[in-house]
Amino acid sequence: MSIQSPPILDAKQRAWQYWFVDGFTHLLLGLTLLSMSICELFPSRPRAFWQLGLRAALLGLYVALMLWQRQILDWLKSKITYPRTGYVQPPFDAMSGAAGVVELGLEGSDERRAEAERLAADHRKRLLLAASLAVPGLFAMLLSENRFVPTVASVLLASALWALRKREKVSWITIVGLPVLGICMTIFVTPGAYPRYRMAWLMAGWGALFVLEGTIALARYLLQNPAAKVAEL
């Protein structure tokens, strides 16, 4: 006999899906990676005034996103997402008390408690698998100057994202785009370039893919939930 997921687990899964449906999470993550990597690719001592101003703006954007990304995300959702499709508690806020809530919601049901534990163990395995794929690729980018390393590293990163795709809602744009990015770096990036510059190019491409993914998700969300429709309701 099949075991149905308990309501509290279904609610948590819906909260995760709802958190990523508007694309803001991936959009801000992509902007963070882009601003960081472009600052790294800039000359250490910009000569033109516009270069200095652009680098200062990107550095300010990176610092703001690192320090207040959650506050920015909450503000964007409160202005755009929640008025259209309603509010739901951010899944990150519920993680600290999730274990106790699950135990309370599953009290008296050994089968459902076992299912909750199985899902948690599966998520831990996916995180471990993703880390075991991503970390060697990133270290290879930093330590090796072989021109084929970007391709190998990007394939490993794409595999790590594929392992997390269901929970983190990563689309195929990033999963397929990363290997293409690695191949382009192998072909076009000058062999023997400093590893930190190659890492910056990889992060810039990765950030651009997240921005593209988030922009498409946001456009789709706004088309499906127009403000005029909300006003009529």
Protein backbone atom coordinates (compact mmCIF):
# COMPACT_ATOMS: atom_id res chain seq x y z
CA MET A 1 0.00 0.00 0.00
CA SER A 2 1.38 3.38 -0.95
CA ILE A 3 2.12 5.92 1.75
CA GLN A 4 0.70 9.36 1.14
CA SER A 5 2.79 12.34 2.08
CA PRO A 6 1.49 13.98 5.26
CA PRO A 7 -0.11 17.43 4.84
CA ILE A 8 2.75 19.21 6.60
CA LEU A 9 5.29 17.77 4.17
CA ASP A 10 3.10 18.72 1.22
CA ALA A 11 2.86 22.25 2.64
CA LYS A 12 6.65 22.49 2.94
CA GLN A 13 7.11 21.35 -0.64
CA ARG A 14 4.54 23.88 -1.87
CA ALA A 15 6.33 26.60 0.13
CA TRP A 16 9.62 25.75 -1.59
CA GLN A 17 7.96 25.81 -5.02
CA TYR A 18 6.22 29.10 -4.27
CA TRP A 19 9.47 30.67 -3.07
CA PHE A 20 11.11 30.17 -6.48
CA VAL A 21 8.09 30.69 -8.77
CA ASP A 22 8.70 34.43 -9.34
CA GLY A 23 12.39 34.07 -10.25
CA PHE A 24 13.61 36.69 -7.74
CA THR A 25 15.79 34.23 -5.81
CA HIS A 26 17.80 33.18 -8.86
CA LEU A 27 17.80 36.72 -10.24
CA LEU A 28 19.45 38.15 -7.12
CA LEU A 29 21.87 35.24 -6.91
CA GLY A 30 22.88 35.84 -10.52
CA LEU A 31 23.39 39.56 -9.92
CA THR A 32 25.58 38.74 -6.91
CA LEU A 33 27.79 36.41 -8.95
CA LEU A 34 27.95 38.86 -11.86
CA SER A 35 28.91 41.89 -9.76
CA MET A 36 31.57 39.91 -7.88
CA SER A 37 33.13 38.41 -11.01
CA ILE A 38 33.10 41.62 -13.05
CA CYS A 39 34.87 43.44 -10.19
CA GLU A 40 37.48 40.70 -10.25
CA LEU A 41 37.94 41.03 -14.02
CA PHE A 42 38.39 44.81 -13.89
CA PRO A 43 41.96 46.18 -14.00
CA SER A 44 43.41 46.54 -10.53
CA ARG A 45 43.95 50.26 -11.20
CA PRO A 46 41.31 51.62 -13.59
CA ARG A 47 42.64 54.55 -15.62
CA ALA A 48 39.41 56.05 -16.97
CA PHE A 49 36.94 57.75 -14.65
CA TRP A 50 34.02 55.73 -16.01
CA GLN A 51 35.88 52.50 -15.22
CA LEU A 52 36.44 53.64 -11.66
CA GLY A 53 32.77 54.65 -11.32
CA LEU A 54 31.49 51.40 -12.81
CA ARG A 55 33.72 49.31 -10.58
CA ALA A 56 32.59 51.26 -7.51
CA ALA A 57 28.93 50.75 -8.50
CA LEU A 58 29.41 47.02 -9.03
CA LEU A 59 31.30 46.70 -5.77
CA GLY A 60 28.51 48.56 -3.97
CA LEU A 61 25.91 46.28 -5.58
CA TYR A 62 27.86 43.19 -4.53
CA VAL A 63 28.20 44.38 -0.92
CA ALA A 64 24.51 45.32 -0.76
CA LEU A 65 23.41 41.94 -2.11
CA MET A 66 25.72 40.08 0.26
CA LEU A 67 24.57 42.01 3.33
CA TRP A 68 20.88 42.58 2.59
CA GLN A 69 19.90 39.99 -0.01
CA ARG A 70 17.19 38.52 2.21
CA GLN A 71 15.75 41.97 2.99
CA ILE A 72 15.81 42.91 -0.72
CA LEU A 73 14.14 39.62 -1.63
CA ASP A 74 11.42 40.12 1.00
CA TRP A 75 10.79 43.68 -0.23
CA LEU A 76 10.47 42.58 -3.87
CA LYS A 77 8.10 39.77 -2.93
CA SER A 78 5.99 42.08 -0.74
CA LYS A 79 5.61 44.52 -3.66
CA ILE A 80 5.16 42.08 -6.55
CA THR A 81 4.58 38.47 -5.49
CA TYR A 82 2.42 38.57 -2.36
CA PRO A 83 -0.16 41.07 -3.72
CA ARG A 84 -0.70 38.78 -6.72
CA THR A 85 -0.70 35.26 -5.31
CA GLY A 86 -0.70 35.67 -1.54
CA TYR A 87 1.80 35.32 1.28
CA VAL A 88 3.43 32.13 2.48
CA GLN A 89 6.00 31.80 5.24
CA PRO A 90 9.51 31.68 3.76
CA PRO A 91 10.73 28.08 3.97
CA PHE A 92 14.03 29.23 5.51
CA ASP A 93 12.19 30.61 8.56
CA ALA A 94 10.56 27.28 9.22
CA MET A 95 13.71 25.17 8.90
CA SER A 96 14.86 25.70 12.49
CA GLY A 97 11.62 24.39 13.91
CA ALA A 98 10.81 21.97 11.15
CA ALA A 99 11.88 18.86 13.02
CA GLY A 100 9.64 19.59 15.99
CA VAL A 101 6.70 20.51 13.78
CA VAL A 102 7.09 17.34 11.75
CA GLU A 103 7.17 15.26 14.91
CA LEU A 104 4.02 17.00 16.15
CA GLY A 105 2.23 16.60 12.85
CA LEU A 106 3.21 12.94 12.51
CA GLU A 107 2.54 11.90 16.09
CA GLY A 108 0.79 8.55 16.18
CA SER A 109 1.77 7.64 12.64
CA ASP A 110 4.97 5.60 12.40
CA GLU A 111 4.61 5.21 8.63
CA ARG A 112 4.37 8.94 8.03
CA ARG A 113 7.22 9.67 10.43
CA ALA A 114 9.36 7.16 8.56
CA GLU A 115 8.43 8.85 5.28
CA ALA A 116 9.46 12.25 6.65
CA GLU A 117 12.79 10.85 7.82
CA ARG A 118 13.31 9.21 4.43
CA LEU A 119 12.73 12.51 2.62
CA ALA A 120 15.14 14.33 4.95
CA ALA A 121 17.80 11.64 4.45
CA ASP A 122 17.32 11.83 0.67
CA HIS A 123 17.87 15.59 0.76
CA ARG A 124 21.06 15.17 2.80
CA LYS A 125 22.33 12.62 0.27
CA ARG A 126 21.62 15.01 -2.59
CA LEU A 127 23.47 17.82 -0.83
CA LEU A 128 26.46 15.55 -0.21
CA LEU A 129 26.44 14.40 -3.84
CA ALA A 130 26.26 17.99 -5.09
CA ALA A 131 29.14 19.05 -2.85
CA SER A 132 31.28 16.08 -3.94
CA LEU A 133 30.77 17.14 -7.56
CA ALA A 134 31.11 20.91 -7.24
CA VAL A 135 34.05 21.25 -4.83
CA PRO A 136 36.61 19.30 -6.93
CA GLY A 137 35.64 21.29 -10.02
CA LEU A 138 36.06 24.63 -8.27
CA PHE A 139 39.41 23.64 -6.77
CA ALA A 140 40.60 22.46 -10.20
CA MET A 141 39.71 25.87 -11.63
CA LEU A 142 41.81 27.58 -8.95
CA LEU A 143 44.81 25.25 -9.01
CA SER A 144 45.17 24.04 -12.60
CA GLU A 145 46.01 25.98 -15.77
CA ASN A 146 45.02 23.18 -18.15
CA ARG A 147 42.74 24.61 -20.83
CA PHE A 148 40.27 21.71 -20.55
CA VAL A 149 39.66 22.25 -16.84
CA PRO A 150 36.81 24.78 -17.40
CA THR A 151 34.88 22.21 -19.42
CA VAL A 152 35.33 19.52 -16.80
CA ALA A 153 34.53 21.92 -13.95
CA SER A 154 31.39 23.24 -15.66
CA VAL A 155 30.13 19.70 -16.28
CA LEU A 156 30.69 18.88 -12.60
CA LEU A 157 28.84 22.05 -11.53
CA ALA A 158 25.97 21.26 -13.87
CA SER A 159 25.79 17.75 -12.42
CA ALA A 160 25.68 19.21 -8.91
CA LEU A 161 22.80 21.50 -9.87
CA TRP A 162 21.03 18.58 -11.53
CA ALA A 163 21.22 16.67 -8.23
CA LEU A 164 19.50 19.61 -6.48
CA ARG A 165 17.12 20.60 -9.28
CA LYS A 166 13.87 19.46 -7.61
CA ARG A 167 14.32 21.24 -4.29
CA GLU A 168 16.21 24.32 -5.50
CA LYS A 169 14.11 24.67 -8.66
CA VAL A 170 17.05 25.10 -11.03
CA SER A 171 15.88 25.08 -14.64
CA TRP A 172 17.52 23.39 -17.58
CA ILE A 173 18.77 26.79 -18.77
CA THR A 174 21.54 26.76 -16.17
CA ILE A 175 22.11 23.00 -16.20
CA VAL A 176 22.64 22.92 -19.98
CA GLY A 177 24.23 26.37 -20.17
CA LEU A 178 27.11 25.60 -17.82
CA PRO A 179 28.75 22.90 -20.00
CA VAL A 180 28.33 25.19 -23.04
CA LEU A 181 30.04 27.95 -21.05
CA GLY A 182 32.90 25.61 -20.13
CA ILE A 183 33.41 24.58 -23.76
CA CYS A 184 33.48 28.23 -24.86
CA MET A 185 36.07 29.01 -22.18
CA THR A 186 38.21 26.10 -23.34
CA ILE A 187 38.09 27.40 -26.91
CA PHE A 188 38.30 31.17 -26.46
CA VAL A 189 39.98 31.93 -23.13
CA THR A 190 43.72 32.40 -23.56
CA PRO A 191 45.60 29.28 -22.41
CA GLY A 192 47.81 29.98 -19.42
CA ALA A 193 45.57 32.74 -18.08
CA TYR A 194 45.65 33.15 -14.32
CA PRO A 195 43.29 30.64 -12.69
CA ARG A 196 41.54 33.36 -10.68
CA TYR A 197 40.61 35.15 -13.92
CA ARG A 198 39.25 31.94 -15.39
CA MET A 199 37.27 31.42 -12.19
CA ALA A 200 35.93 34.96 -12.54
CA TRP A 201 34.82 34.25 -16.11
CA LEU A 202 33.13 31.04 -14.97
CA MET A 203 31.32 32.89 -12.15
CA ALA A 204 30.30 35.65 -14.58
CA GLY A 205 28.81 33.13 -16.99
CA TRP A 206 27.13 31.26 -14.16
CA GLY A 207 25.66 34.51 -12.86
CA ALA A 208 24.43 35.46 -16.34
CA LEU A 209 22.66 32.10 -16.62
CA PHE A 210 20.96 32.64 -13.26
CA VAL A 211 19.91 36.16 -14.32
CA LEU A 212 18.47 34.77 -17.56
CA GLU A 213 16.68 31.99 -15.70
CA GLY A 214 15.27 34.41 -13.12
CA THR A 215 14.19 36.93 -15.76
CA ILE A 216 12.31 34.27 -17.74
CA ALA A 217 10.63 32.97 -14.57
CA LEU A 218 9.66 36.51 -13.53
CA ALA A 219 8.24 37.36 -16.98
CA ARG A 220 6.25 34.12 -17.01
CA TYR A 221 4.96 34.80 -13.49
CA LEU A 222 3.88 38.36 -14.33
CA LEU A 223 2.10 37.19 -17.49
CA GLN A 224 0.22 34.50 -15.58
CA ASN A 225 -0.62 36.85 -12.69
CA PRO A 226 -1.20 40.36 -14.09
CA ALA A 227 -1.82 43.23 -11.69
CA ALA A 228 -5.13 44.10 -13.39
CA LYS A 229 -6.44 40.62 -12.67
CA VAL A 230 -5.49 40.96 -9.02
CA ALA A 231 -7.23 44.32 -8.82
CA GLU A 232 -10.45 42.81 -10.21
CA LEU A 233 -10.43 40.14 -7.50
